[in-house]
Amino acid sequence: MSIFGKIMSAIFGSASAAGSGAAPTSMSNVDVEKVLSDMASKNKEKLDWRKSIVDLMKLLGLDSSFTARKELATELKYTGDMNDSASMNVWLHKQVMKKFAENGGKVPDDLKS
């Protein structure tokens, strides 16, 4: 499974566990901010998932290594310098939030920009 696929599965899984128990067929009606906030409130580590792709991936229980982020950047068609991790990380976070919204998830505007 792709890294972005794992990210989507982590959000879907949490949303369906909090809901009826049935897996949603799309991101429709999944409040991404609420799902992630709920997960963060139960996490012993203070993670800034709203701004950091590393913290978002950690919150979802995924590998957040530089190698994993480069793989995610490749999947999402990043065209910048992958050795400039700061720029790539900012781009990745924005793209992941945009992809949630494109797939029908409810994502606040401030998380998409």
PDB file of N, CA and C in Angstrom:
ATOM      1  N   MET A   1       0.840  -1.176   0.000  1.00  0.00           N
ATOM      2  CA  MET A   1       0.000   0.000   0.000  1.00  0.00           C
ATOM      3  C   MET A   1       0.889   1.245   0.000  1.00  0.00           C
ATOM      4  N   SER A   2       0.490   2.255  -0.753  1.00  0.00           N
ATOM      5  CA  SER A   2       1.247   3.495  -0.818  1.00  0.00           C
ATOM      6  C   SER A   2       1.220   4.205   0.544  1.00  0.00           C
ATOM      7  N   ILE A   3       2.149   5.109   0.739  1.00  0.00           N
ATOM      8  CA  ILE A   3       2.170   5.850   2.001  1.00  0.00           C
ATOM      9  C   ILE A   3       0.909   6.701   2.120  1.00  0.00           C
ATOM     10  N   PHE A   4       0.504   7.358   1.024  1.00  0.00           N
ATOM     11  CA  PHE A   4      -0.720   8.144   1.102  1.00  0.00           C
ATOM     12  C   PHE A   4      -1.921   7.230   1.362  1.00  0.00           C
ATOM     13  N   GLY A   5      -1.905   6.052   0.807  1.00  0.00           N
ATOM     14  CA  GLY A   5      -2.972   5.081   1.073  1.00  0.00           C
ATOM     15  C   GLY A   5      -3.033   4.722   2.550  1.00  0.00           C
ATOM     16  N   LYS A   6      -1.866   4.595   3.178  1.00  0.00           N
ATOM     17  CA  LYS A   6      -1.820   4.301   4.612  1.00  0.00           C
ATOM     18  C   LYS A   6      -2.363   5.475   5.423  1.00  0.00           C
ATOM     19  N   ILE A   7      -2.052   6.693   4.974  1.00  0.00           N
ATOM     20  CA  ILE A   7      -2.569   7.886   5.650  1.00  0.00           C
ATOM     21  C   ILE A   7      -4.092   7.899   5.568  1.00  0.00           C
ATOM     22  N   MET A   8      -4.620   7.647   4.372  1.00  0.00           N
ATOM     23  CA  MET A   8      -6.082   7.628   4.181  1.00  0.00           C
ATOM     24  C   MET A   8      -6.715   6.522   5.024  1.00  0.00           C
ATOM     25  N   SER A   9      -6.095   5.352   5.057  1.00  0.00           N
ATOM     26  CA  SER A   9      -6.634   4.239   5.842  1.00  0.00           C
ATOM     27  C   SER A   9      -6.669   4.580   7.327  1.00  0.00           C
ATOM     28  N   ALA A  10      -5.641   5.262   7.800  1.00  0.00           N
ATOM     29  CA  ALA A  10      -5.601   5.636   9.214  1.00  0.00           C
ATOM     30  C   ALA A  10      -6.739   6.601   9.545  1.00  0.00           C
ATOM     31  N   ILE A  11      -7.031   7.524   8.651  1.00  0.00           N
ATOM     32  CA  ILE A  11      -8.128   8.471   8.884  1.00  0.00           C
ATOM     33  C   ILE A  11      -9.463   7.740   8.781  1.00  0.00           C
ATOM     34  N   PHE A  12      -9.648   6.947   7.720  1.00  0.00           N
ATOM     35  CA  PHE A  12     -10.898   6.191   7.555  1.00  0.00           C
ATOM     36  C   PHE A  12     -11.145   5.270   8.737  1.00  0.00           C
ATOM     37  N   GLY A  13     -10.111   4.545   9.134  1.00  0.00           N
ATOM     38  CA  GLY A  13     -10.252   3.606  10.236  1.00  0.00           C
ATOM     39  C   GLY A  13     -10.677   4.291  11.518  1.00  0.00           C
ATOM     40  N   SER A  14     -10.084   5.432  11.803  1.00  0.00           N
ATOM     41  CA  SER A  14     -10.454   6.174  13.008  1.00  0.00           C
ATOM     42  C   SER A  14     -11.857   6.730  12.905  1.00  0.00           C
ATOM     43  N   ALA A  15     -12.221   7.206  11.724  1.00  0.00           N
ATOM     44  CA  ALA A  15     -13.560   7.775  11.537  1.00  0.00           C
ATOM     45  C   ALA A  15     -14.625   6.700  11.659  1.00  0.00           C
ATOM     46  N   SER A  16     -14.364   5.523  11.085  1.00  0.00           N
ATOM     47  CA  SER A  16     -15.371   4.461  11.145  1.00  0.00           C
ATOM     48  C   SER A  16     -15.460   3.870  12.545  1.00  0.00           C
ATOM     49  N   ALA A  17     -14.336   3.838  13.266  1.00  0.00           N
ATOM     50  CA  ALA A  17     -14.362   3.326  14.640  1.00  0.00           C
ATOM     51  C   ALA A  17     -15.176   4.256  15.538  1.00  0.00           C
ATOM     52  N   ALA A  18     -15.115   5.545  15.255  1.00  0.00           N
ATOM     53  CA  ALA A  18     -15.857   6.515  16.062  1.00  0.00           C
ATOM     54  C   ALA A  18     -17.330   6.553  15.664  1.00  0.00           C
ATOM     55  N   GLY A  19     -17.629   6.078  14.469  1.00  0.00           N
ATOM     56  CA  GLY A  19     -19.006   6.115  13.968  1.00  0.00           C
ATOM     57  C   GLY A  19     -19.723   4.807  14.182  1.00  0.00           C
ATOM     58  N   SER A  20     -20.400   4.351  13.161  1.00  0.00           N
ATOM     59  CA  SER A  20     -21.248   3.165  13.269  1.00  0.00           C
ATOM     60  C   SER A  20     -20.470   1.858  13.289  1.00  0.00           C
ATOM     61  N   GLY A  21     -19.211   1.927  12.982  1.00  0.00           N
ATOM     62  CA  GLY A  21     -18.419   0.699  12.929  1.00  0.00           C
ATOM     63  C   GLY A  21     -18.257   0.205  11.508  1.00  0.00           C
ATOM     64  N   ALA A  22     -19.108   0.681  10.612  1.00  0.00           N
ATOM     65  CA  ALA A  22     -18.986   0.304   9.207  1.00  0.00           C
ATOM     66  C   ALA A  22     -17.991   1.245   8.537  1.00  0.00           C
ATOM     67  N   ALA A  23     -17.155   0.698   7.694  1.00  0.00           N
ATOM     68  CA  ALA A  23     -16.162   1.520   7.007  1.00  0.00           C
ATOM     69  C   ALA A  23     -16.839   2.421   5.991  1.00  0.00           C
ATOM     70  N   PRO A  24     -16.523   3.708   6.001  1.00  0.00           N
ATOM     71  CA  PRO A  24     -17.107   4.594   4.999  1.00  0.00           C
ATOM     72  C   PRO A  24     -16.584   4.244   3.610  1.00  0.00           C
ATOM     73  N   THR A  25     -17.396   4.466   2.595  1.00  0.00           N
ATOM     74  CA  THR A  25     -16.965   4.149   1.238  1.00  0.00           C
ATOM     75  C   THR A  25     -16.205   5.303   0.623  1.00  0.00           C
ATOM     76  N   SER A  26     -16.296   6.488   1.199  1.00  0.00           N
ATOM     77  CA  SER A  26     -15.528   7.639   0.741  1.00  0.00           C
ATOM     78  C   SER A  26     -15.250   8.511   1.944  1.00  0.00           C
ATOM     79  N   MET A  27     -14.493   9.590   1.714  1.00  0.00           N
ATOM     80  CA  MET A  27     -14.192  10.506   2.806  1.00  0.00           C
ATOM     81  C   MET A  27     -15.394  11.384   3.128  1.00  0.00           C
ATOM     82  N   SER A  28     -16.462  11.304   2.347  1.00  0.00           N
ATOM     83  CA  SER A  28     -17.621  12.153   2.580  1.00  0.00           C
ATOM     84  C   SER A  28     -18.053  12.080   4.029  1.00  0.00           C
ATOM     85  N   ASN A  29     -18.328  13.224   4.550  1.00  0.00           N
ATOM     86  CA  ASN A  29     -18.805  13.367   5.924  1.00  0.00           C
ATOM     87  C   ASN A  29     -17.770  13.011   6.981  1.00  0.00           C
ATOM     88  N   VAL A  30     -16.525  12.819   6.607  1.00  0.00           N
ATOM     89  CA  VAL A  30     -15.483  12.586   7.596  1.00  0.00           C
ATOM     90  C   VAL A  30     -14.873  13.945   7.938  1.00  0.00           C
ATOM     91  N   ASP A  31     -15.019  14.339   9.197  1.00  0.00           N
ATOM     92  CA  ASP A  31     -14.449  15.590   9.681  1.00  0.00           C
ATOM     93  C   ASP A  31     -12.992  15.310  10.045  1.00  0.00           C
ATOM     94  N   VAL A  32     -12.107  15.592   9.107  1.00  0.00           N
ATOM     95  CA  VAL A  32     -10.696  15.265   9.253  1.00  0.00           C
ATOM     96  C   VAL A  32     -10.101  15.937  10.489  1.00  0.00           C
ATOM     97  N   GLU A  33     -10.430  17.197  10.691  1.00  0.00           N
ATOM     98  CA  GLU A  33      -9.902  17.929  11.844  1.00  0.00           C
ATOM     99  C   GLU A  33     -10.338  17.262  13.153  1.00  0.00           C
ATOM    100  N   LYS A  34     -11.597  16.872  13.236  1.00  0.00           N
ATOM    101  CA  LYS A  34     -12.107  16.234  14.456  1.00  0.00           C
ATOM    102  C   LYS A  34     -11.426  14.890  14.693  1.00  0.00           C
ATOM    103  N   VAL A  35     -11.305  14.095  13.646  1.00  0.00           N
ATOM    104  CA  VAL A  35     -10.658  12.781  13.782  1.00  0.00           C
ATOM    105  C   VAL A  35      -9.229  12.950  14.298  1.00  0.00           C
ATOM    106  N   LEU A  36      -8.482  13.871  13.681  1.00  0.00           N
ATOM    107  CA  LEU A  36      -7.090  14.065  14.074  1.00  0.00           C
ATOM    108  C   LEU A  36      -6.974  14.688  15.465  1.00  0.00           C
ATOM    109  N   SER A  37      -7.867  15.619  15.783  1.00  0.00           N
ATOM    110  CA  SER A  37      -7.857  16.232  17.123  1.00  0.00           C
ATOM    111  C   SER A  37      -8.149  15.190  18.192  1.00  0.00           C
ATOM    112  N   ASP A  38      -9.113  14.316  17.914  1.00  0.00           N
ATOM    113  CA  ASP A  38      -9.436  13.244  18.864  1.00  0.00           C
ATOM    114  C   ASP A  38      -8.245  12.313  19.068  1.00  0.00           C
ATOM    115  N   MET A  39      -7.584  11.970  17.970  1.00  0.00           N
ATOM    116  CA  MET A  39      -6.408  11.101  18.074  1.00  0.00           C
ATOM    117  C   MET A  39      -5.307  11.789  18.879  1.00  0.00           C
ATOM    118  N   ALA A  40      -5.102  13.087  18.624  1.00  0.00           N
ATOM    119  CA  ALA A  40      -4.052  13.837  19.317  1.00  0.00           C
ATOM    120  C   ALA A  40      -4.340  13.946  20.810  1.00  0.00           C
ATOM    121  N   SER A  41      -5.612  14.079  21.162  1.00  0.00           N
ATOM    122  CA  SER A  41      -5.962  14.222  22.579  1.00  0.00           C
ATOM    123  C   SER A  41      -5.681  12.930  23.359  1.00  0.00           C
ATOM    124  N   LYS A  42      -5.642  11.809  22.665  1.00  0.00           N
ATOM    125  CA  LYS A  42      -5.389  10.517  23.304  1.00  0.00           C
ATOM    126  C   LYS A  42      -3.915  10.103  23.228  1.00  0.00           C
ATOM    127  N   ASN A  43      -3.126  10.914  22.529  1.00  0.00           N
ATOM    128  CA  ASN A  43      -1.714  10.589  22.338  1.00  0.00           C
ATOM    129  C   ASN A  43      -0.890  11.205  23.456  1.00  0.00           C
ATOM    130  N   LYS A  44       0.009  10.432  24.043  1.00  0.00           N
ATOM    131  CA  LYS A  44       0.823  10.935  25.146  1.00  0.00           C
ATOM    132  C   LYS A  44       1.845  11.972  24.685  1.00  0.00           C
ATOM    133  N   GLU A  45       2.203  11.927  23.406  1.00  0.00           N
ATOM    134  CA  GLU A  45       3.174  12.863  22.849  1.00  0.00           C
ATOM    135  C   GLU A  45       2.442  14.093  22.302  1.00  0.00           C
ATOM    136  N   LYS A  46       2.990  15.276  22.532  1.00  0.00           N
ATOM    137  CA  LYS A  46       2.387  16.507  22.009  1.00  0.00           C
ATOM    138  C   LYS A  46       2.846  16.671  20.557  1.00  0.00           C
ATOM    139  N   LEU A  47       1.922  16.452  19.632  1.00  0.00           N
ATOM    140  CA  LEU A  47       2.258  16.501  18.207  1.00  0.00           C
ATOM    141  C   LEU A  47       1.525  17.652  17.520  1.00  0.00           C
ATOM    142  N   ASP A  48       2.255  18.426  16.743  1.00  0.00           N
ATOM    143  CA  ASP A  48       1.669  19.558  16.022  1.00  0.00           C
ATOM    144  C   ASP A  48       1.253  19.113  14.618  1.00  0.00           C
ATOM    145  N   TRP A  49       0.253  18.240  14.556  1.00  0.00           N
ATOM    146  CA  TRP A  49      -0.194  17.668  13.285  1.00  0.00           C
ATOM    147  C   TRP A  49      -0.770  18.732  12.351  1.00  0.00           C
ATOM    148  N   ARG A  50      -1.192  19.867  12.882  1.00  0.00           N
ATOM    149  CA  ARG A  50      -1.775  20.932  12.051  1.00  0.00           C
ATOM    150  C   ARG A  50      -0.747  21.592  11.143  1.00  0.00           C
ATOM    151  N   LYS A  51       0.529  21.525  11.509  1.00  0.00           N
ATOM    152  CA  LYS A  51       1.575  22.209  10.743  1.00  0.00           C
ATOM    153  C   LYS A  51       2.678  21.288  10.256  1.00  0.00           C
ATOM    154  N   SER A  52       2.842  20.139  10.894  1.00  0.00           N
ATOM    155  CA  SER A  52       3.988  19.281  10.612  1.00  0.00           C
ATOM    156  C   SER A  52       3.574  17.946   9.997  1.00  0.00           C
ATOM    157  N   ILE A  53       4.110  17.663   8.812  1.00  0.00           N
ATOM    158  CA  ILE A  53       3.833  16.369   8.182  1.00  0.00           C
ATOM    159  C   ILE A  53       4.459  15.248   9.010  1.00  0.00           C
ATOM    160  N   VAL A  54       5.602  15.518   9.637  1.00  0.00           N
ATOM    161  CA  VAL A  54       6.251  14.506  10.481  1.00  0.00           C
ATOM    162  C   VAL A  54       5.333  14.153  11.650  1.00  0.00           C
ATOM    163  N   ASP A  55       4.799  15.175  12.319  1.00  0.00           N
ATOM    164  CA  ASP A  55       3.912  14.928  13.457  1.00  0.00           C
ATOM    165  C   ASP A  55       2.604  14.285  13.021  1.00  0.00           C
ATOM    166  N   LEU A  56       2.092  14.673  11.860  1.00  0.00           N
ATOM    167  CA  LEU A  56       0.874  14.055  11.339  1.00  0.00           C
ATOM    168  C   LEU A  56       1.097  12.563  11.106  1.00  0.00           C
ATOM    169  N   MET A  57       2.208  12.218  10.491  1.00  0.00           N
ATOM    170  CA  MET A  57       2.508  10.813  10.227  1.00  0.00           C
ATOM    171  C   MET A  57       2.723  10.041  11.531  1.00  0.00           C
ATOM    172  N   LYS A  58       3.397  10.665  12.499  1.00  0.00           N
ATOM    173  CA  LYS A  58       3.592  10.022  13.805  1.00  0.00           C
ATOM    174  C   LYS A  58       2.242   9.778  14.477  1.00  0.00           C
ATOM    175  N   LEU A  59       1.358  10.777  14.432  1.00  0.00           N
ATOM    176  CA  LEU A  59       0.038  10.654  15.043  1.00  0.00           C
ATOM    177  C   LEU A  59      -0.725   9.474  14.458  1.00  0.00           C
ATOM    178  N   LEU A  60      -0.553   9.244  13.162  1.00  0.00           N
ATOM    179  CA  LEU A  60      -1.248   8.155  12.475  1.00  0.00           C
ATOM    180  C   LEU A  60      -0.527   6.817  12.620  1.00  0.00           C
ATOM    181  N   GLY A  61       0.593   6.818  13.340  1.00  0.00           N
ATOM    182  CA  GLY A  61       1.325   5.578  13.570  1.00  0.00           C
ATOM    183  C   GLY A  61       2.128   5.126  12.360  1.00  0.00           C
ATOM    184  N   LEU A  62       2.514   6.079  11.515  1.00  0.00           N
ATOM    185  CA  LEU A  62       3.243   5.749  10.290  1.00  0.00           C
ATOM    186  C   LEU A  62       4.714   6.143  10.401  1.00  0.00           C
ATOM    187  N   ASP A  63       5.517   5.550   9.577  1.00  0.00           N
ATOM    188  CA  ASP A  63       6.935   5.891   9.483  1.00  0.00           C
ATOM    189  C   ASP A  63       7.041   7.329   8.982  1.00  0.00           C
ATOM    190  N   SER A  64       7.693   8.186   9.761  1.00  0.00           N
ATOM    191  CA  SER A  64       7.829   9.590   9.364  1.00  0.00           C
ATOM    192  C   SER A  64       9.270   9.927   8.985  1.00  0.00           C
ATOM    193  N   SER A  65      10.060   8.905   8.711  1.00  0.00           N
ATOM    194  CA  SER A  65      11.465   9.119   8.357  1.00  0.00           C
ATOM    195  C   SER A  65      11.578   9.934   7.068  1.00  0.00           C
ATOM    196  N   PHE A  66      12.760  10.497   6.869  1.00  0.00           N
ATOM    197  CA  PHE A  66      13.029  11.267   5.662  1.00  0.00           C
ATOM    198  C   PHE A  66      12.791  10.407   4.421  1.00  0.00           C
ATOM    199  N   THR A  67      13.178   9.147   4.482  1.00  0.00           N
ATOM    200  CA  THR A  67      12.977   8.229   3.356  1.00  0.00           C
ATOM    201  C   THR A  67      11.488   8.062   3.060  1.00  0.00           C
ATOM    202  N   ALA A  68      10.685   7.885   4.097  1.00  0.00           N
ATOM    203  CA  ALA A  68       9.239   7.714   3.915  1.00  0.00           C
ATOM    204  C   ALA A  68       8.615   8.989   3.348  1.00  0.00           C
ATOM    205  N   ARG A  69       9.084  10.145   3.821  1.00  0.00           N
ATOM    206  CA  ARG A  69       8.547  11.411   3.315  1.00  0.00           C
ATOM    207  C   ARG A  69       8.951  11.641   1.859  1.00  0.00           C
ATOM    208  N   LYS A  70      10.152  11.226   1.488  1.00  0.00           N
ATOM    209  CA  LYS A  70      10.566  11.328   0.087  1.00  0.00           C
ATOM    210  C   LYS A  70       9.687  10.426  -0.788  1.00  0.00           C
ATOM    211  N   GLU A  71       9.372   9.243  -0.273  1.00  0.00           N
ATOM    212  CA  GLU A  71       8.491   8.337  -1.017  1.00  0.00           C
ATOM    213  C   GLU A  71       7.104   8.958  -1.182  1.00  0.00           C
ATOM    214  N   LEU A  72       6.587   9.571  -0.108  1.00  0.00           N
ATOM    215  CA  LEU A  72       5.297  10.255  -0.188  1.00  0.00           C
ATOM    216  C   LEU A  72       5.359  11.407  -1.185  1.00  0.00           C
ATOM    217  N   ALA A  73       6.451  12.153  -1.174  1.00  0.00           N
ATOM    218  CA  ALA A  73       6.628  13.261  -2.114  1.00  0.00           C
ATOM    219  C   ALA A  73       6.605  12.757  -3.563  1.00  0.00           C
ATOM    220  N   THR A  74       7.229  11.621  -3.796  1.00  0.00           N
ATOM    221  CA  THR A  74       7.223  11.023  -5.135  1.00  0.00           C
ATOM    222  C   THR A  74       5.796  10.630  -5.530  1.00  0.00           C
ATOM    223  N   GLU A  75       5.073   9.998  -4.618  1.00  0.00           N
ATOM    224  CA  GLU A  75       3.684   9.596  -4.878  1.00  0.00           C
ATOM    225  C   GLU A  75       2.808  10.798  -5.245  1.00  0.00           C
ATOM    226  N   LEU A  76       3.036  11.916  -4.535  1.00  0.00           N
ATOM    227  CA  LEU A  76       2.195  13.098  -4.735  1.00  0.00           C
ATOM    228  C   LEU A  76       2.752  14.045  -5.793  1.00  0.00           C
ATOM    229  N   LYS A  77       3.803  13.581  -6.487  1.00  0.00           N
ATOM    230  CA  LYS A  77       4.396  14.286  -7.628  1.00  0.00           C
ATOM    231  C   LYS A  77       5.046  15.630  -7.253  1.00  0.00           C
ATOM    232  N   TYR A  78       5.820  15.596  -6.190  1.00  0.00           N
ATOM    233  CA  TYR A  78       6.583  16.779  -5.778  1.00  0.00           C
ATOM    234  C   TYR A  78       7.673  17.038  -6.804  1.00  0.00           C
ATOM    235  N   THR A  79       7.799  18.280  -7.251  1.00  0.00           N
ATOM    236  CA  THR A  79       8.792  18.601  -8.278  1.00  0.00           C
ATOM    237  C   THR A  79       9.960  19.417  -7.739  1.00  0.00           C
ATOM    238  N   GLY A  80       9.923  19.745  -6.456  1.00  0.00           N
ATOM    239  CA  GLY A  80      11.009  20.517  -5.856  1.00  0.00           C
ATOM    240  C   GLY A  80      12.194  19.640  -5.489  1.00  0.00           C
ATOM    241  N   ASP A  81      13.143  20.240  -4.807  1.00  0.00           N
ATOM    242  CA  ASP A  81      14.349  19.551  -4.365  1.00  0.00           C
ATOM    243  C   ASP A  81      14.031  18.708  -3.128  1.00  0.00           C
ATOM    244  N   MET A  82      14.094  17.400  -3.266  1.00  0.00           N
ATOM    245  CA  MET A  82      13.768  16.510  -2.148  1.00  0.00           C
ATOM    246  C   MET A  82      14.814  16.550  -1.044  1.00  0.00           C
ATOM    247  N   ASN A  83      15.967  17.141  -1.310  1.00  0.00           N
ATOM    248  CA  ASN A  83      16.970  17.274  -0.255  1.00  0.00           C
ATOM    249  C   ASN A  83      16.729  18.515   0.597  1.00  0.00           C
ATOM    250  N   ASP A  84      15.824  19.387   0.148  1.00  0.00           N
ATOM    251  CA  ASP A  84      15.405  20.547   0.939  1.00  0.00           C
ATOM    252  C   ASP A  84      14.199  20.089   1.757  1.00  0.00           C
ATOM    253  N   SER A  85      14.487  19.399   2.855  1.00  0.00           N
ATOM    254  CA  SER A  85      13.406  18.757   3.606  1.00  0.00           C
ATOM    255  C   SER A  85      12.399  19.748   4.176  1.00  0.00           C
ATOM    256  N   ALA A  86      12.834  20.947   4.562  1.00  0.00           N
ATOM    257  CA  ALA A  86      11.888  21.923   5.126  1.00  0.00           C
ATOM    258  C   ALA A  86      10.830  22.311   4.093  1.00  0.00           C
ATOM    259  N   SER A  87      11.260  22.656   2.897  1.00  0.00           N
ATOM    260  CA  SER A  87      10.309  23.029   1.836  1.00  0.00           C
ATOM    261  C   SER A  87       9.427  21.855   1.449  1.00  0.00           C
ATOM    262  N   MET A  88      10.036  20.691   1.325  1.00  0.00           N
ATOM    263  CA  MET A  88       9.275  19.500   0.962  1.00  0.00           C
ATOM    264  C   MET A  88       8.235  19.181   2.033  1.00  0.00           C
ATOM    265  N   ASN A  89       8.602  19.295   3.302  1.00  0.00           N
ATOM    266  CA  ASN A  89       7.669  18.993   4.384  1.00  0.00           C
ATOM    267  C   ASN A  89       6.460  19.922   4.379  1.00  0.00           C
ATOM    268  N   VAL A  90       6.690  21.206   4.155  1.00  0.00           N
ATOM    269  CA  VAL A  90       5.582  22.173   4.095  1.00  0.00           C
ATOM    270  C   VAL A  90       4.662  21.810   2.935  1.00  0.00           C
ATOM    271  N   TRP A  91       5.253  21.524   1.782  1.00  0.00           N
ATOM    272  CA  TRP A  91       4.472  21.148   0.598  1.00  0.00           C
ATOM    273  C   TRP A  91       3.680  19.873   0.858  1.00  0.00           C
ATOM    274  N   LEU A  92       4.314  18.879   1.460  1.00  0.00           N
ATOM    275  CA  LEU A  92       3.643  17.608   1.733  1.00  0.00           C
ATOM    276  C   LEU A  92       2.424  17.802   2.630  1.00  0.00           C
ATOM    277  N   HIS A  93       2.570  18.586   3.689  1.00  0.00           N
ATOM    278  CA  HIS A  93       1.460  18.791   4.615  1.00  0.00           C
ATOM    279  C   HIS A  93       0.276  19.417   3.876  1.00  0.00           C
ATOM    280  N   LYS A  94       0.551  20.443   3.075  1.00  0.00           N
ATOM    281  CA  LYS A  94      -0.522  21.110   2.307  1.00  0.00           C
ATOM    282  C   LYS A  94      -1.175  20.132   1.333  1.00  0.00           C
ATOM    283  N   GLN A  95      -0.373  19.338   0.661  1.00  0.00           N
ATOM    284  CA  GLN A  95      -0.909  18.404  -0.323  1.00  0.00           C
ATOM    285  C   GLN A  95      -1.771  17.330   0.325  1.00  0.00           C
ATOM    286  N   VAL A  96      -1.331  16.814   1.463  1.00  0.00           N
ATOM    287  CA  VAL A  96      -2.117  15.786   2.154  1.00  0.00           C
ATOM    288  C   VAL A  96      -3.472  16.359   2.568  1.00  0.00           C
ATOM    289  N   MET A  97      -3.478  17.567   3.105  1.00  0.00           N
ATOM    290  CA  MET A  97      -4.744  18.191   3.511  1.00  0.00           C
ATOM    291  C   MET A  97      -5.641  18.450   2.292  1.00  0.00           C
ATOM    292  N   LYS A  98      -5.036  18.899   1.195  1.00  0.00           N
ATOM    293  CA  LYS A  98      -5.816  19.115  -0.037  1.00  0.00           C
ATOM    294  C   LYS A  98      -6.394  17.802  -0.553  1.00  0.00           C
ATOM    295  N   LYS A  99      -5.602  16.734  -0.478  1.00  0.00           N
ATOM    296  CA  LYS A  99      -6.080  15.420  -0.943  1.00  0.00           C
ATOM    297  C   LYS A  99      -7.234  14.924  -0.086  1.00  0.00           C
ATOM    298  N   PHE A 100      -7.175  15.168   1.233  1.00  0.00           N
ATOM    299  CA  PHE A 100      -8.311  14.809   2.087  1.00  0.00           C
ATOM    300  C   PHE A 100      -9.568  15.514   1.585  1.00  0.00           C
ATOM    301  N   ALA A 101      -9.439  16.818   1.313  1.00  0.00           N
ATOM    302  CA  ALA A 101     -10.584  17.611   0.852  1.00  0.00           C
ATOM    303  C   ALA A 101     -11.059  17.144  -0.526  1.00  0.00           C
ATOM    304  N   GLU A 102     -10.126  16.848  -1.423  1.00  0.00           N
ATOM    305  CA  GLU A 102     -10.487  16.383  -2.764  1.00  0.00           C
ATOM    306  C   GLU A 102     -11.244  15.059  -2.718  1.00  0.00           C
ATOM    307  N   ASN A 103     -11.002  14.289  -1.673  1.00  0.00           N
ATOM    308  CA  ASN A 103     -11.671  12.997  -1.526  1.00  0.00           C
ATOM    309  C   ASN A 103     -12.931  13.094  -0.671  1.00  0.00           C
ATOM    310  N   GLY A 104     -13.403  14.330  -0.471  1.00  0.00           N
ATOM    311  CA  GLY A 104     -14.672  14.530   0.218  1.00  0.00           C
ATOM    312  C   GLY A 104     -14.583  14.765   1.705  1.00  0.00           C
ATOM    313  N   GLY A 105     -13.372  14.749   2.266  1.00  0.00           N
ATOM    314  CA  GLY A 105     -13.227  15.004   3.695  1.00  0.00           C
ATOM    315  C   GLY A 105     -13.455  16.466   4.012  1.00  0.00           C
ATOM    316  N   LYS A 106     -13.943  16.717   5.211  1.00  0.00           N
ATOM    317  CA  LYS A 106     -14.125  18.092   5.665  1.00  0.00           C
ATOM    318  C   LYS A 106     -12.815  18.559   6.280  1.00  0.00           C
ATOM    319  N   VAL A 107     -12.190  19.538   5.611  1.00  0.00           N
ATOM    320  CA  VAL A 107     -10.913  20.082   6.060  1.00  0.00           C
ATOM    321  C   VAL A 107     -11.037  21.601   6.112  1.00  0.00           C
ATOM    322  N   PRO A 108     -10.773  22.220   7.269  1.00  0.00           N
ATOM    323  CA  PRO A 108     -10.851  23.674   7.361  1.00  0.00           C
ATOM    324  C   PRO A 108      -9.906  24.340   6.367  1.00  0.00           C
ATOM    325  N   ASP A 109     -10.306  25.490   5.850  1.00  0.00           N
ATOM    326  CA  ASP A 109      -9.497  26.201   4.858  1.00  0.00           C
ATOM    327  C   ASP A 109      -8.084  26.482   5.346  1.00  0.00           C
ATOM    328  N   ASP A 110      -7.929  26.809   6.633  1.00  0.00           N
ATOM    329  CA  ASP A 110      -6.596  27.144   7.137  1.00  0.00           C
ATOM    330  C   ASP A 110      -5.636  25.958   7.102  1.00  0.00           C
ATOM    331  N   LEU A 111      -6.153  24.757   7.008  1.00  0.00           N
ATOM    332  CA  LEU A 111      -5.282  23.578   6.912  1.00  0.00           C
ATOM    333  C   LEU A 111      -4.933  23.230   5.466  1.00  0.00           C
ATOM    334  N   LYS A 112      -5.634  23.836   4.525  1.00  0.00           N
ATOM    335  CA  LYS A 112      -5.383  23.552   3.109  1.00  0.00           C
ATOM    336  C   LYS A 112      -4.445  24.562   2.466  1.00  0.00           C
ATOM    337  N   SER A 113      -4.116  25.629   3.193  1.00  0.00           N
ATOM    338  CA  SER A 113      -3.282  26.670   2.583  1.00  0.00           C
ATOM    339  C   SER A 113      -1.945  26.815   3.261  1.00  0.00           C
TER     340      SER A 113
END
